[in-house]
Amino acid sequence: MMNHVSYFSGAYSRGVIPGGLMSSSDDRNLRLKLAQLRQEHRDLDDAIIALETAAQRDQLRLTRLKKRKLGLKDEIARLEDQLLPDIIA
């Protein structure tokens, strides 16, 4: 007899069932986090534009903001992938 509990123990213990299924509260939490990250991404975009057009350009700060913005983009993509699992056509 096979023990199927071990198959689910890894991802399921973190709240996500293999195959992309998750509870409605997990789904809501991910959507809330996603909205927060998207807002922060937009805010960083505005800050970057402001720094680029400023008379005295702080290149180090600009670089750090751009790096943070890229990190947010990656995290947003990861969360979107969790919310919208791949469907094999």
C-alpha atoms as a PDB file:
ATOM      1  CA  MET A   1       0.000   0.000   0.000  1.00  0.00           C
ATOM      2  CA  MET A   2       1.380   3.418  -0.998  1.00  0.00           C
ATOM      3  CA  ASN A   3       1.537   6.290   1.424  1.00  0.00           C
ATOM      4  CA  HIS A   4       0.152   9.368  -0.387  1.00  0.00           C
ATOM      5  CA  VAL A   5       0.550  11.693   2.590  1.00  0.00           C
ATOM      6  CA  SER A   6       4.258  12.123   1.890  1.00  0.00           C
ATOM      7  CA  TYR A   7       3.456  13.296  -1.653  1.00  0.00           C
ATOM      8  CA  PHE A   8       1.573  16.301  -0.280  1.00  0.00           C
ATOM      9  CA  SER A   9       3.690  16.992   2.784  1.00  0.00           C
ATOM     10  CA  GLY A  10       6.132  19.474   1.194  1.00  0.00           C
ATOM     11  CA  ALA A  11       4.047  22.028  -0.665  1.00  0.00           C
ATOM     12  CA  TYR A  12       0.817  21.304   1.188  1.00  0.00           C
ATOM     13  CA  SER A  13       2.449  22.100   4.518  1.00  0.00           C
ATOM     14  CA  ARG A  14       3.155  25.592   3.145  1.00  0.00           C
ATOM     15  CA  GLY A  15      -0.477  26.126   2.126  1.00  0.00           C
ATOM     16  CA  VAL A  16      -0.248  25.284  -1.572  1.00  0.00           C
ATOM     17  CA  ILE A  17      -1.337  21.910  -2.892  1.00  0.00           C
ATOM     18  CA  PRO A  18       0.675  20.575  -5.851  1.00  0.00           C
ATOM     19  CA  GLY A  19      -1.031  21.509  -9.091  1.00  0.00           C
ATOM     20  CA  GLY A  20      -1.757  25.083  -8.040  1.00  0.00           C
ATOM     21  CA  LEU A  21      -4.838  24.497  -5.880  1.00  0.00           C
ATOM     22  CA  MET A  22      -5.140  26.626  -2.771  1.00  0.00           C
ATOM     23  CA  SER A  23      -7.756  27.644  -0.261  1.00  0.00           C
ATOM     24  CA  SER A  24      -9.859  30.754  -0.777  1.00  0.00           C
ATOM     25  CA  SER A  25      -8.132  32.522   2.123  1.00  0.00           C
ATOM     26  CA  ASP A  26      -4.728  31.779   0.571  1.00  0.00           C
ATOM     27  CA  ASP A  27      -6.042  33.092  -2.739  1.00  0.00           C
ATOM     28  CA  ARG A  28      -7.283  36.310  -1.082  1.00  0.00           C
ATOM     29  CA  ASN A  29      -3.982  36.774   0.736  1.00  0.00           C
ATOM     30  CA  LEU A  30      -2.006  36.331  -2.476  1.00  0.00           C
ATOM     31  CA  ARG A  31      -4.249  38.797  -4.328  1.00  0.00           C
ATOM     32  CA  LEU A  32      -3.837  41.344  -1.524  1.00  0.00           C
ATOM     33  CA  LYS A  33      -0.054  40.910  -1.528  1.00  0.00           C
ATOM     34  CA  LEU A  34      -0.057  41.181  -5.322  1.00  0.00           C
ATOM     35  CA  ALA A  35      -2.009  44.455  -5.194  1.00  0.00           C
ATOM     36  CA  GLN A  36       0.428  45.849  -2.621  1.00  0.00           C
ATOM     37  CA  LEU A  37       3.435  44.872  -4.728  1.00  0.00           C
ATOM     38  CA  ARG A  38       1.912  46.392  -7.866  1.00  0.00           C
ATOM     39  CA  GLN A  39       1.286  49.658  -5.987  1.00  0.00           C
ATOM     40  CA  GLU A  40       4.856  49.709  -4.685  1.00  0.00           C
ATOM     41  CA  HIS A  41       6.081  49.032  -8.244  1.00  0.00           C
ATOM     42  CA  ARG A  42       4.078  52.033  -9.541  1.00  0.00           C
ATOM     43  CA  ASP A  43       5.358  54.206  -6.687  1.00  0.00           C
ATOM     44  CA  LEU A  44       8.932  53.246  -7.501  1.00  0.00           C
ATOM     45  CA  ASP A  45       8.316  54.078 -11.141  1.00  0.00           C
ATOM     46  CA  ASP A  46       7.173  57.567 -10.128  1.00  0.00           C
ATOM     47  CA  ALA A  47      10.183  58.005  -7.835  1.00  0.00           C
ATOM     48  CA  ILE A  48      12.571  56.884 -10.587  1.00  0.00           C
ATOM     49  CA  ILE A  49      11.064  59.345 -13.063  1.00  0.00           C
ATOM     50  CA  ALA A  50      11.361  62.143 -10.506  1.00  0.00           C
ATOM     51  CA  LEU A  51      15.011  61.314  -9.830  1.00  0.00           C
ATOM     52  CA  GLU A  52      15.841  61.101 -13.528  1.00  0.00           C
ATOM     53  CA  THR A  53      14.405  64.564 -14.156  1.00  0.00           C
ATOM     54  CA  ALA A  54      15.913  66.159 -11.040  1.00  0.00           C
ATOM     55  CA  ALA A  55      18.570  68.839 -11.450  1.00  0.00           C
ATOM     56  CA  GLN A  56      21.004  66.950  -9.206  1.00  0.00           C
ATOM     57  CA  ARG A  57      20.864  63.291 -10.073  1.00  0.00           C
ATOM     58  CA  ASP A  58      21.654  60.778  -7.305  1.00  0.00           C
ATOM     59  CA  GLN A  59      22.890  57.890  -9.444  1.00  0.00           C
ATOM     60  CA  LEU A  60      23.395  55.493  -6.537  1.00  0.00           C
ATOM     61  CA  ARG A  61      19.836  56.004  -5.264  1.00  0.00           C
ATOM     62  CA  LEU A  62      18.489  55.713  -8.807  1.00  0.00           C
ATOM     63  CA  THR A  63      20.306  52.417  -9.301  1.00  0.00           C
ATOM     64  CA  ARG A  64      18.986  51.047  -6.007  1.00  0.00           C
ATOM     65  CA  LEU A  65      15.413  52.032  -6.866  1.00  0.00           C
ATOM     66  CA  LYS A  66      15.674  50.389 -10.288  1.00  0.00           C
ATOM     67  CA  LYS A  67      17.071  47.217  -8.731  1.00  0.00           C
ATOM     68  CA  ARG A  68      14.215  47.145  -6.205  1.00  0.00           C
ATOM     69  CA  LYS A  69      11.707  47.695  -9.017  1.00  0.00           C
ATOM     70  CA  LEU A  70      13.116  44.707 -10.937  1.00  0.00           C
ATOM     71  CA  GLY A  71      12.921  42.577  -7.789  1.00  0.00           C
ATOM     72  CA  LEU A  72       9.282  43.565  -7.362  1.00  0.00           C
ATOM     73  CA  LYS A  73       8.581  42.671 -10.990  1.00  0.00           C
ATOM     74  CA  ASP A  74      10.001  39.175 -10.400  1.00  0.00           C
ATOM     75  CA  GLU A  75       7.985  38.730  -7.204  1.00  0.00           C
ATOM     76  CA  ILE A  76       4.807  39.932  -8.946  1.00  0.00           C
ATOM     77  CA  ALA A  77       5.366  37.415 -11.744  1.00  0.00           C
ATOM     78  CA  ARG A  78       5.918  34.619  -9.209  1.00  0.00           C
ATOM     79  CA  LEU A  79       2.681  35.435  -7.376  1.00  0.00           C
ATOM     80  CA  GLU A  80       0.746  35.696 -10.647  1.00  0.00           C
ATOM     81  CA  ASP A  81       2.017  32.235 -11.581  1.00  0.00           C
ATOM     82  CA  GLN A  82       0.722  30.882  -8.266  1.00  0.00           C
ATOM     83  CA  LEU A  83      -2.694  32.441  -8.827  1.00  0.00           C
ATOM     84  CA  LEU A  84      -2.975  31.377 -12.465  1.00  0.00           C
ATOM     85  CA  PRO A  85      -1.526  27.870 -12.765  1.00  0.00           C
ATOM     86  CA  ASP A  86      -0.360  26.621 -16.152  1.00  0.00           C
ATOM     87  CA  ILE A  87      -3.011  24.761 -18.094  1.00  0.00           C
ATOM     88  CA  ILE A  88      -1.785  22.094 -20.447  1.00  0.00           C
ATOM     89  CA  ALA A  89      -3.668  22.565 -23.728  1.00  0.00           C
END
